[in-house]
N, C-alpha and C. Protein backbone atom coordinates (compact mmCIF):
# COMPACT_ATOMS: atom_id res chain seq x y z
N UNK A 1 -10.88 6.76 -5.65
CA UNK A 1 -10.64 7.55 -4.45
C UNK A 1 -11.88 7.48 -3.57
N UNK A 2 -11.69 7.00 -2.36
CA UNK A 2 -12.79 6.96 -1.39
C UNK A 2 -13.01 8.34 -0.78
N UNK A 3 -14.19 8.56 -0.21
CA UNK A 3 -14.48 9.84 0.43
C UNK A 3 -13.53 10.12 1.59
N UNK A 4 -12.88 9.11 2.11
CA UNK A 4 -11.94 9.27 3.21
C UNK A 4 -10.55 9.69 2.75
N UNK A 5 -10.32 9.69 1.45
CA UNK A 5 -8.98 9.92 0.94
C UNK A 5 -8.23 8.63 0.75
N UNK A 6 -8.90 7.51 1.01
CA UNK A 6 -8.30 6.20 0.79
C UNK A 6 -8.23 5.90 -0.70
N UNK A 7 -7.22 5.14 -1.09
CA UNK A 7 -7.01 4.81 -2.50
C UNK A 7 -6.92 3.30 -2.68
N UNK A 8 -7.57 2.80 -3.71
CA UNK A 8 -7.42 1.40 -4.09
C UNK A 8 -8.32 0.44 -3.34
N UNK A 9 -9.19 -0.28 -4.06
CA UNK A 9 -10.11 -1.20 -3.43
C UNK A 9 -9.59 -2.62 -3.27
N UNK A 10 -8.44 -2.94 -3.86
CA UNK A 10 -8.06 -4.34 -3.98
C UNK A 10 -6.79 -4.71 -3.22
N UNK A 11 -6.91 -5.73 -2.36
CA UNK A 11 -5.73 -6.28 -1.68
C UNK A 11 -4.95 -7.16 -2.65
N UNK A 12 -5.64 -7.71 -3.63
CA UNK A 12 -5.01 -8.62 -4.60
C UNK A 12 -3.82 -7.97 -5.30
N UNK A 13 -4.02 -6.76 -5.78
CA UNK A 13 -2.94 -6.07 -6.49
C UNK A 13 -2.49 -4.80 -5.78
N UNK A 14 -2.97 -4.63 -4.55
CA UNK A 14 -2.70 -3.40 -3.79
C UNK A 14 -2.95 -2.18 -4.65
N UNK A 15 -4.06 -2.20 -5.37
CA UNK A 15 -4.31 -1.10 -6.28
C UNK A 15 -5.74 -1.01 -6.73
N UNK A 16 -5.90 -0.74 -8.01
CA UNK A 16 -7.19 -0.43 -8.59
C UNK A 16 -7.74 -1.60 -9.39
N UNK A 17 -9.06 -1.61 -9.55
CA UNK A 17 -9.74 -2.64 -10.33
C UNK A 17 -10.55 -1.92 -11.41
N UNK A 18 -11.83 -2.20 -11.49
CA UNK A 18 -12.67 -1.57 -12.51
C UNK A 18 -13.20 -0.22 -12.01
N UNK A 19 -13.65 0.59 -12.95
CA UNK A 19 -14.21 1.89 -12.61
C UNK A 19 -15.32 1.77 -11.57
N UNK A 20 -15.31 2.66 -10.62
CA UNK A 20 -16.34 2.78 -9.58
C UNK A 20 -16.43 1.57 -8.66
N UNK A 21 -15.42 0.75 -8.62
CA UNK A 21 -15.38 -0.39 -7.70
C UNK A 21 -14.81 0.12 -6.38
N UNK A 22 -15.69 0.47 -5.46
CA UNK A 22 -15.30 1.02 -4.17
C UNK A 22 -16.06 0.32 -3.04
N UNK A 23 -15.76 -0.96 -2.80
CA UNK A 23 -16.47 -1.69 -1.75
C UNK A 23 -16.11 -1.14 -0.36
N UNK A 24 -17.05 -1.19 0.55
CA UNK A 24 -16.80 -0.70 1.91
C UNK A 24 -16.05 -1.71 2.77
N UNK A 25 -16.59 -2.93 2.87
CA UNK A 25 -16.03 -3.91 3.80
C UNK A 25 -14.67 -4.45 3.34
N UNK A 26 -14.48 -4.56 2.06
CA UNK A 26 -13.21 -5.10 1.57
C UNK A 26 -12.29 -4.02 1.02
N UNK A 27 -12.61 -2.77 1.29
CA UNK A 27 -11.76 -1.67 0.83
C UNK A 27 -10.34 -1.88 1.32
N UNK A 28 -9.40 -1.78 0.42
CA UNK A 28 -8.00 -1.93 0.82
C UNK A 28 -7.50 -0.61 1.38
N UNK A 29 -7.59 0.45 0.59
CA UNK A 29 -7.27 1.80 1.05
C UNK A 29 -6.05 1.83 1.96
N UNK A 30 -4.94 1.29 1.44
CA UNK A 30 -3.72 1.16 2.23
C UNK A 30 -3.28 2.51 2.81
N UNK A 31 -2.87 2.48 4.07
CA UNK A 31 -2.42 3.69 4.74
C UNK A 31 -1.34 4.40 3.93
N UNK A 32 -0.39 3.65 3.38
CA UNK A 32 0.69 4.26 2.60
C UNK A 32 0.17 5.01 1.38
N UNK A 33 -0.90 4.53 0.78
CA UNK A 33 -1.45 5.22 -0.38
C UNK A 33 -2.00 6.58 0.03
N UNK A 34 -2.67 6.65 1.18
CA UNK A 34 -3.17 7.94 1.66
C UNK A 34 -2.02 8.86 2.05
N UNK A 35 -1.00 8.30 2.67
CA UNK A 35 0.19 9.09 3.01
C UNK A 35 0.80 9.64 1.73
N UNK A 36 0.89 8.80 0.71
CA UNK A 36 1.42 9.25 -0.58
C UNK A 36 0.58 10.36 -1.19
N UNK A 37 -0.74 10.29 -1.01
CA UNK A 37 -1.62 11.34 -1.51
C UNK A 37 -1.36 12.65 -0.77
N UNK A 38 -1.13 12.58 0.54
CA UNK A 38 -0.78 13.78 1.31
C UNK A 38 0.51 14.38 0.76
N UNK A 39 1.53 13.53 0.55
CA UNK A 39 2.80 14.01 0.02
C UNK A 39 2.62 14.66 -1.35
N UNK A 40 1.85 13.99 -2.21
CA UNK A 40 1.63 14.49 -3.57
C UNK A 40 0.88 15.83 -3.55
N UNK A 41 -0.20 15.91 -2.78
CA UNK A 41 -0.98 17.15 -2.71
C UNK A 41 -0.12 18.29 -2.17
N UNK A 42 0.72 17.99 -1.20
CA UNK A 42 1.62 19.00 -0.65
C UNK A 42 2.57 19.53 -1.74
N UNK A 43 3.10 18.63 -2.54
CA UNK A 43 3.99 19.04 -3.64
C UNK A 43 3.23 19.88 -4.67
N UNK A 44 2.00 19.50 -4.96
CA UNK A 44 1.20 20.27 -5.91
C UNK A 44 0.93 21.67 -5.37
N UNK A 45 0.73 21.79 -4.06
CA UNK A 45 0.51 23.10 -3.45
C UNK A 45 1.78 23.95 -3.51
N UNK A 46 2.92 23.32 -3.70
CA UNK A 46 4.17 24.06 -3.86
C UNK A 46 4.19 24.89 -5.13
N UNK A 47 3.29 24.60 -6.06
CA UNK A 47 3.20 25.38 -7.30
C UNK A 47 2.34 26.62 -7.12
N UNK A 48 1.64 26.72 -6.01
CA UNK A 48 0.78 27.87 -5.74
C UNK A 48 -0.50 27.42 -5.07
N UNK A 49 -1.21 28.36 -4.46
CA UNK A 49 -2.43 27.99 -3.74
C UNK A 49 -3.48 27.39 -4.67
N UNK A 50 -4.06 26.29 -4.24
CA UNK A 50 -5.11 25.64 -5.00
C UNK A 50 -5.96 24.87 -3.98
N UNK A 51 -7.16 25.38 -3.73
CA UNK A 51 -8.02 24.79 -2.71
C UNK A 51 -8.31 23.32 -2.97
N UNK A 52 -8.31 22.92 -4.22
CA UNK A 52 -8.59 21.52 -4.56
C UNK A 52 -7.54 20.59 -3.97
N UNK A 53 -6.27 20.97 -4.11
CA UNK A 53 -5.20 20.14 -3.56
C UNK A 53 -5.17 20.20 -2.04
N UNK A 54 -5.46 21.37 -1.49
CA UNK A 54 -5.50 21.50 -0.03
C UNK A 54 -6.65 20.67 0.55
N UNK A 55 -7.80 20.67 -0.11
CA UNK A 55 -8.92 19.84 0.34
C UNK A 55 -8.55 18.36 0.28
N UNK A 56 -7.89 17.97 -0.81
CA UNK A 56 -7.47 16.59 -0.98
C UNK A 56 -6.47 16.20 0.11
N UNK A 57 -5.53 17.08 0.38
CA UNK A 57 -4.53 16.81 1.41
C UNK A 57 -5.20 16.69 2.78
N UNK A 58 -6.12 17.59 3.08
CA UNK A 58 -6.81 17.55 4.37
C UNK A 58 -7.60 16.25 4.53
N UNK A 59 -8.34 15.87 3.49
CA UNK A 59 -9.14 14.65 3.54
C UNK A 59 -8.26 13.43 3.77
N UNK A 60 -7.20 13.31 3.00
CA UNK A 60 -6.30 12.16 3.13
C UNK A 60 -5.56 12.17 4.46
N UNK A 61 -5.19 13.34 4.93
CA UNK A 61 -4.47 13.45 6.20
C UNK A 61 -5.34 13.02 7.37
N UNK A 62 -6.52 13.61 7.48
CA UNK A 62 -7.38 13.36 8.65
C UNK A 62 -8.12 12.03 8.60
N UNK A 63 -8.49 11.58 7.40
CA UNK A 63 -9.37 10.41 7.30
C UNK A 63 -8.72 9.15 6.76
N UNK A 64 -7.65 9.29 6.00
CA UNK A 64 -7.06 8.11 5.38
C UNK A 64 -5.67 7.78 5.87
N UNK A 65 -4.97 8.76 6.45
CA UNK A 65 -3.58 8.54 6.86
C UNK A 65 -3.43 8.46 8.37
N UNK A 66 -3.72 9.56 9.03
CA UNK A 66 -3.49 9.62 10.48
C UNK A 66 -4.37 8.61 11.21
N UNK A 67 -5.50 8.25 10.60
CA UNK A 67 -6.37 7.24 11.19
C UNK A 67 -5.72 5.86 11.16
N UNK A 68 -4.68 5.70 10.37
CA UNK A 68 -3.96 4.43 10.31
C UNK A 68 -3.03 4.21 11.49
N UNK A 69 -2.90 5.20 12.36
CA UNK A 69 -2.01 5.13 13.51
C UNK A 69 -2.83 5.18 14.79
N UNK A 70 -2.49 4.34 15.76
CA UNK A 70 -3.20 4.37 17.05
C UNK A 70 -2.85 5.65 17.81
N UNK A 71 -3.68 6.02 18.77
CA UNK A 71 -3.45 7.25 19.52
C UNK A 71 -2.10 7.28 20.22
N UNK A 72 -1.64 6.12 20.70
CA UNK A 72 -0.34 6.10 21.39
C UNK A 72 0.83 5.89 20.42
N UNK A 73 0.54 5.74 19.13
CA UNK A 73 1.59 5.63 18.12
C UNK A 73 2.27 4.28 18.03
N UNK A 74 1.73 3.27 18.70
CA UNK A 74 2.42 1.97 18.72
C UNK A 74 1.82 0.93 17.77
N UNK A 75 0.63 1.17 17.26
CA UNK A 75 -0.05 0.22 16.38
C UNK A 75 -0.52 0.95 15.12
N UNK A 76 -0.70 0.20 14.04
CA UNK A 76 -1.15 0.83 12.81
C UNK A 76 -2.04 -0.10 12.00
N UNK A 77 -2.82 0.51 11.12
CA UNK A 77 -3.59 -0.22 10.13
C UNK A 77 -2.78 -0.23 8.84
N UNK A 78 -2.69 -1.39 8.22
CA UNK A 78 -2.09 -1.48 6.89
C UNK A 78 -3.16 -1.13 5.87
N UNK A 79 -4.32 -1.79 5.98
CA UNK A 79 -5.46 -1.46 5.13
C UNK A 79 -6.53 -0.81 5.99
N UNK A 80 -7.39 -0.01 5.34
CA UNK A 80 -8.39 0.78 6.05
C UNK A 80 -9.77 0.60 5.44
N UNK A 81 -10.44 -0.51 5.75
CA UNK A 81 -11.79 -0.70 5.21
C UNK A 81 -12.74 0.34 5.79
N UNK A 82 -13.77 0.67 5.03
CA UNK A 82 -14.75 1.64 5.50
C UNK A 82 -15.81 0.99 6.37
N UNK A 83 -15.86 -0.32 6.36
CA UNK A 83 -16.85 -1.06 7.14
C UNK A 83 -16.16 -2.27 7.75
N UNK A 84 -16.48 -2.55 9.00
CA UNK A 84 -15.87 -3.70 9.66
C UNK A 84 -16.87 -4.33 10.61
N UNK A 85 -16.80 -5.62 10.72
CA UNK A 85 -17.64 -6.36 11.67
C UNK A 85 -16.79 -6.78 12.87
N UNK A 86 -15.71 -6.04 13.11
CA UNK A 86 -14.85 -6.30 14.25
C UNK A 86 -13.63 -7.13 13.94
N UNK A 87 -13.44 -7.51 12.70
CA UNK A 87 -12.32 -8.37 12.34
C UNK A 87 -11.03 -7.62 12.00
N UNK A 88 -11.08 -6.32 11.96
CA UNK A 88 -9.90 -5.53 11.62
C UNK A 88 -9.32 -4.91 12.88
N UNK A 89 -8.03 -5.09 13.06
CA UNK A 89 -7.35 -4.53 14.23
C UNK A 89 -6.02 -3.94 13.80
N UNK A 90 -5.56 -2.97 14.54
CA UNK A 90 -4.23 -2.39 14.25
C UNK A 90 -3.15 -3.40 14.61
N UNK A 91 -2.04 -3.33 13.90
CA UNK A 91 -0.92 -4.26 14.08
C UNK A 91 0.27 -3.53 14.68
N UNK A 92 1.17 -4.33 15.27
CA UNK A 92 2.45 -3.76 15.72
C UNK A 92 3.41 -3.67 14.55
N UNK A 93 3.31 -4.61 13.62
CA UNK A 93 4.22 -4.65 12.49
C UNK A 93 3.55 -5.42 11.36
N UNK A 94 4.10 -5.36 10.18
CA UNK A 94 3.56 -6.05 9.02
C UNK A 94 4.73 -6.57 8.20
N UNK A 95 4.53 -7.67 7.52
CA UNK A 95 5.63 -8.26 6.74
C UNK A 95 6.12 -7.33 5.64
N UNK A 96 5.28 -6.41 5.22
CA UNK A 96 5.68 -5.38 4.26
C UNK A 96 5.77 -4.07 5.05
N UNK A 97 6.95 -3.73 5.55
CA UNK A 97 7.08 -2.65 6.53
C UNK A 97 7.13 -1.24 5.95
N UNK A 98 6.15 -0.90 5.13
CA UNK A 98 6.17 0.45 4.56
C UNK A 98 5.35 1.45 5.37
N UNK A 99 4.24 1.00 5.96
CA UNK A 99 3.33 1.94 6.62
C UNK A 99 3.93 2.63 7.85
N UNK A 100 4.54 1.91 8.80
CA UNK A 100 5.05 2.62 9.98
C UNK A 100 6.04 3.74 9.66
N UNK A 101 7.05 3.52 8.81
CA UNK A 101 7.96 4.64 8.54
C UNK A 101 7.31 5.76 7.71
N UNK A 102 6.39 5.40 6.82
CA UNK A 102 5.71 6.44 6.04
C UNK A 102 4.81 7.29 6.92
N UNK A 103 4.10 6.67 7.85
CA UNK A 103 3.29 7.44 8.79
C UNK A 103 4.21 8.34 9.62
N UNK A 104 5.34 7.80 10.06
CA UNK A 104 6.30 8.59 10.83
C UNK A 104 6.80 9.79 10.05
N UNK A 105 7.15 9.59 8.78
CA UNK A 105 7.60 10.71 7.93
C UNK A 105 6.52 11.76 7.79
N UNK A 106 5.28 11.30 7.61
CA UNK A 106 4.19 12.25 7.43
C UNK A 106 3.93 13.04 8.71
N UNK A 107 3.84 12.34 9.84
CA UNK A 107 3.57 13.02 11.11
C UNK A 107 4.68 14.03 11.41
N UNK A 108 5.93 13.64 11.15
CA UNK A 108 7.05 14.53 11.42
C UNK A 108 7.03 15.79 10.55
N UNK A 109 6.34 15.73 9.42
CA UNK A 109 6.34 16.88 8.52
C UNK A 109 5.00 17.61 8.46
N UNK A 110 4.05 17.27 9.32
CA UNK A 110 2.73 17.90 9.28
C UNK A 110 2.82 19.42 9.34
N UNK A 111 3.71 19.94 10.16
CA UNK A 111 3.84 21.40 10.27
C UNK A 111 4.16 22.08 8.94
N UNK A 112 4.82 21.38 8.05
CA UNK A 112 5.19 21.98 6.76
C UNK A 112 4.02 22.02 5.78
N UNK A 113 2.92 21.37 6.10
CA UNK A 113 1.77 21.34 5.19
C UNK A 113 0.80 22.49 5.41
N UNK A 114 0.90 23.18 6.53
CA UNK A 114 -0.09 24.19 6.90
C UNK A 114 -0.09 25.41 5.98
N UNK A 115 1.08 25.84 5.55
CA UNK A 115 1.19 27.12 4.84
C UNK A 115 1.99 26.99 3.56
N UNK A 116 1.74 27.91 2.66
CA UNK A 116 2.52 28.02 1.45
C UNK A 116 2.87 29.48 1.22
N UNK A 117 4.07 29.73 0.73
CA UNK A 117 4.54 31.09 0.51
C UNK A 117 5.11 31.20 -0.89
N UNK A 118 4.66 32.20 -1.62
CA UNK A 118 5.18 32.46 -2.96
C UNK A 118 5.14 33.97 -3.20
N UNK A 119 6.30 34.53 -3.48
CA UNK A 119 6.43 35.97 -3.76
C UNK A 119 5.74 36.79 -2.67
N UNK A 120 4.67 37.50 -3.03
CA UNK A 120 3.99 38.35 -2.06
C UNK A 120 2.64 37.76 -1.65
N UNK A 121 2.56 36.44 -1.58
CA UNK A 121 1.31 35.77 -1.20
C UNK A 121 1.59 34.67 -0.19
N UNK A 122 0.73 34.58 0.79
CA UNK A 122 0.81 33.55 1.83
C UNK A 122 -0.51 32.80 1.81
N UNK A 123 -0.45 31.48 1.75
CA UNK A 123 -1.67 30.66 1.69
C UNK A 123 -1.77 29.79 2.93
N UNK A 124 -2.97 29.73 3.49
CA UNK A 124 -3.25 28.83 4.61
C UNK A 124 -3.90 27.59 4.00
N UNK A 125 -3.16 26.47 4.01
CA UNK A 125 -3.66 25.23 3.42
C UNK A 125 -4.45 24.40 4.42
N UNK A 126 -4.02 24.38 5.67
CA UNK A 126 -4.68 23.61 6.73
C UNK A 126 -4.96 24.52 7.91
N UNK A 127 -6.00 24.17 8.65
CA UNK A 127 -6.36 24.96 9.82
C UNK A 127 -6.10 24.16 11.09
N UNK A 128 -5.64 24.85 12.12
CA UNK A 128 -5.37 24.24 13.41
C UNK A 128 -4.40 25.11 14.18
N UNK A 129 -4.32 24.90 15.49
CA UNK A 129 -3.40 25.69 16.32
C UNK A 129 -2.00 25.64 15.74
N UNK A 130 -1.45 26.79 15.47
CA UNK A 130 -0.09 26.84 14.93
C UNK A 130 0.44 28.26 14.98
N UNK A 131 1.74 28.36 14.97
CA UNK A 131 2.44 29.64 14.84
C UNK A 131 3.53 29.44 13.80
N UNK A 132 3.59 30.35 12.85
CA UNK A 132 4.60 30.25 11.79
C UNK A 132 5.15 31.63 11.49
N UNK A 133 6.41 31.65 11.07
CA UNK A 133 7.06 32.91 10.70
C UNK A 133 7.54 32.83 9.25
N UNK A 134 7.33 33.93 8.55
CA UNK A 134 7.68 34.00 7.14
C UNK A 134 8.41 35.29 6.85
N UNK A 135 9.17 35.29 5.78
CA UNK A 135 9.76 36.53 5.29
C UNK A 135 9.05 36.90 4.00
N UNK A 136 8.42 38.07 4.02
CA UNK A 136 7.68 38.56 2.86
C UNK A 136 8.19 39.97 2.56
N UNK A 137 8.67 40.18 1.35
CA UNK A 137 9.20 41.47 0.92
C UNK A 137 10.24 42.01 1.92
N UNK A 138 11.08 41.11 2.42
CA UNK A 138 12.14 41.51 3.34
C UNK A 138 11.69 41.78 4.76
N UNK A 139 10.44 41.50 5.08
CA UNK A 139 9.90 41.74 6.43
C UNK A 139 9.48 40.42 7.06
N UNK A 140 9.68 40.30 8.34
CA UNK A 140 9.22 39.12 9.08
C UNK A 140 7.73 39.27 9.37
N UNK A 141 6.99 38.22 9.09
CA UNK A 141 5.55 38.19 9.37
C UNK A 141 5.27 36.93 10.18
N UNK A 142 4.58 37.10 11.30
CA UNK A 142 4.18 35.97 12.13
C UNK A 142 2.68 35.74 11.95
N UNK A 143 2.32 34.49 11.76
CA UNK A 143 0.92 34.11 11.62
C UNK A 143 0.59 33.14 12.74
N UNK A 144 -0.44 33.46 13.52
CA UNK A 144 -0.85 32.60 14.63
C UNK A 144 -2.29 32.17 14.39
N UNK A 145 -2.50 30.86 14.36
CA UNK A 145 -3.85 30.30 14.24
C UNK A 145 -4.28 29.75 15.58
N UNK A 146 -5.52 30.03 15.95
CA UNK A 146 -6.13 29.43 17.14
C UNK A 146 -7.41 28.76 16.70
N UNK A 147 -7.53 27.46 16.96
CA UNK A 147 -8.70 26.73 16.49
C UNK A 147 -8.75 25.34 17.10
N UNK A 148 -9.94 24.81 17.16
CA UNK A 148 -10.14 23.42 17.54
C UNK A 148 -10.61 22.64 16.30
N UNK A 149 -10.23 23.15 15.14
CA UNK A 149 -10.57 22.55 13.86
C UNK A 149 -9.96 21.15 13.80
N UNK A 150 -10.62 20.17 13.29
CA UNK A 150 -11.87 20.17 12.54
C UNK A 150 -13.12 19.96 13.40
N UNK A 151 -12.98 19.83 14.71
CA UNK A 151 -14.14 19.61 15.57
C UNK A 151 -14.97 20.86 15.74
N UNK A 152 -14.39 22.00 15.51
CA UNK A 152 -15.07 23.28 15.61
C UNK A 152 -14.62 24.09 14.40
N UNK A 153 -15.54 24.68 13.70
CA UNK A 153 -15.19 25.42 12.49
C UNK A 153 -14.66 26.82 12.72
N UNK A 154 -14.64 27.27 13.97
CA UNK A 154 -14.14 28.62 14.25
C UNK A 154 -12.61 28.63 14.18
N UNK A 155 -12.08 29.55 13.41
CA UNK A 155 -10.63 29.70 13.27
C UNK A 155 -10.30 31.18 13.44
N UNK A 156 -9.39 31.48 14.35
CA UNK A 156 -8.92 32.86 14.52
C UNK A 156 -7.49 32.93 14.00
N UNK A 157 -7.23 33.91 13.16
CA UNK A 157 -5.89 34.09 12.59
C UNK A 157 -5.40 35.49 12.93
N UNK A 158 -4.24 35.53 13.55
CA UNK A 158 -3.61 36.80 13.89
C UNK A 158 -2.39 36.98 13.00
N UNK A 159 -2.35 38.09 12.28
CA UNK A 159 -1.23 38.39 11.40
C UNK A 159 -0.39 39.47 12.07
N UNK A 160 0.89 39.19 12.28
CA UNK A 160 1.76 40.12 12.97
C UNK A 160 3.02 40.44 12.19
N UNK A 161 2.97 41.44 11.31
CA UNK A 161 4.20 41.83 10.61
C UNK A 161 5.09 42.67 11.52
N UNK A 162 6.42 42.54 11.36
CA UNK A 162 7.33 43.34 12.18
C UNK A 162 7.26 44.81 11.79
N UNK A 163 6.87 45.08 10.56
CA UNK A 163 6.71 46.43 10.03
C UNK A 163 5.67 46.34 8.93
N UNK A 164 5.08 47.46 8.54
CA UNK A 164 4.07 47.41 7.48
C UNK A 164 4.60 46.72 6.22
N UNK A 165 3.78 45.85 5.68
CA UNK A 165 4.11 45.12 4.46
C UNK A 165 2.81 44.75 3.76
N UNK A 166 2.83 44.77 2.44
CA UNK A 166 1.65 44.42 1.66
C UNK A 166 1.84 43.02 1.08
N UNK A 167 0.84 42.16 1.30
CA UNK A 167 0.86 40.83 0.72
C UNK A 167 -0.56 40.30 0.68
N UNK A 168 -0.76 39.27 -0.11
CA UNK A 168 -2.06 38.61 -0.22
C UNK A 168 -2.10 37.43 0.73
N UNK A 169 -3.19 37.29 1.45
CA UNK A 169 -3.38 36.15 2.34
C UNK A 169 -4.53 35.32 1.78
N UNK A 170 -4.22 34.10 1.34
CA UNK A 170 -5.22 33.19 0.79
C UNK A 170 -5.75 32.30 1.91
N UNK A 171 -7.06 32.36 2.15
CA UNK A 171 -7.71 31.51 3.15
C UNK A 171 -8.62 30.54 2.42
N UNK A 172 -8.43 29.27 2.66
CA UNK A 172 -9.21 28.24 1.99
C UNK A 172 -10.53 28.02 2.73
N UNK A 173 -11.61 27.99 1.99
CA UNK A 173 -12.89 27.55 2.53
C UNK A 173 -12.99 26.07 2.15
N UNK A 174 -12.92 25.16 3.14
CA UNK A 174 -12.96 23.73 2.81
C UNK A 174 -14.21 23.36 2.02
N UNK A 175 -14.04 22.55 1.00
CA UNK A 175 -15.15 22.18 0.13
C UNK A 175 -16.26 21.48 0.90
N UNK A 176 -15.91 20.73 1.95
CA UNK A 176 -16.93 19.98 2.68
C UNK A 176 -17.87 20.89 3.46
N UNK A 177 -17.52 22.16 3.67
CA UNK A 177 -18.41 23.02 4.46
C UNK A 177 -19.10 24.07 3.59
N UNK A 178 -18.96 23.99 2.28
CA UNK A 178 -19.61 24.97 1.39
C UNK A 178 -21.04 24.57 1.09
């Protein structure tokens, strides 16, 4: 696992080689592998709040997955080396067409990764501008986040229950800022 959330150093087998083999320039770190890590971490968070999985999801989302897509959404990286001398460029398509639809699935579901709800607990997994509504103990609760995260670490969270209700709010302190 690369610090970016990229997975797999080898284009040869689209996978892993020997322990600690993490080259920068030839890193394969396929976009789909990072997307898969986002999906997996999200599913693990479905079992309950766990900052480790949320950190992993955030790292893979911001550094290994979404970076595989151009700003206008028309080009993508299949592999994501950590170092380049200018020879790597985003493509319109690839003979193995897994990355574009997987990036599309991930982007379309980003909103579902922000929060987790279980019984009388609400967890904030990701930070960023968002508004979400939940039902907790039969009451509607609105949560509004205001932030320019990750470029600014300030996050404001407004909790608006329709009526008094008791619940636990889990706020993750990202491991990278501890």
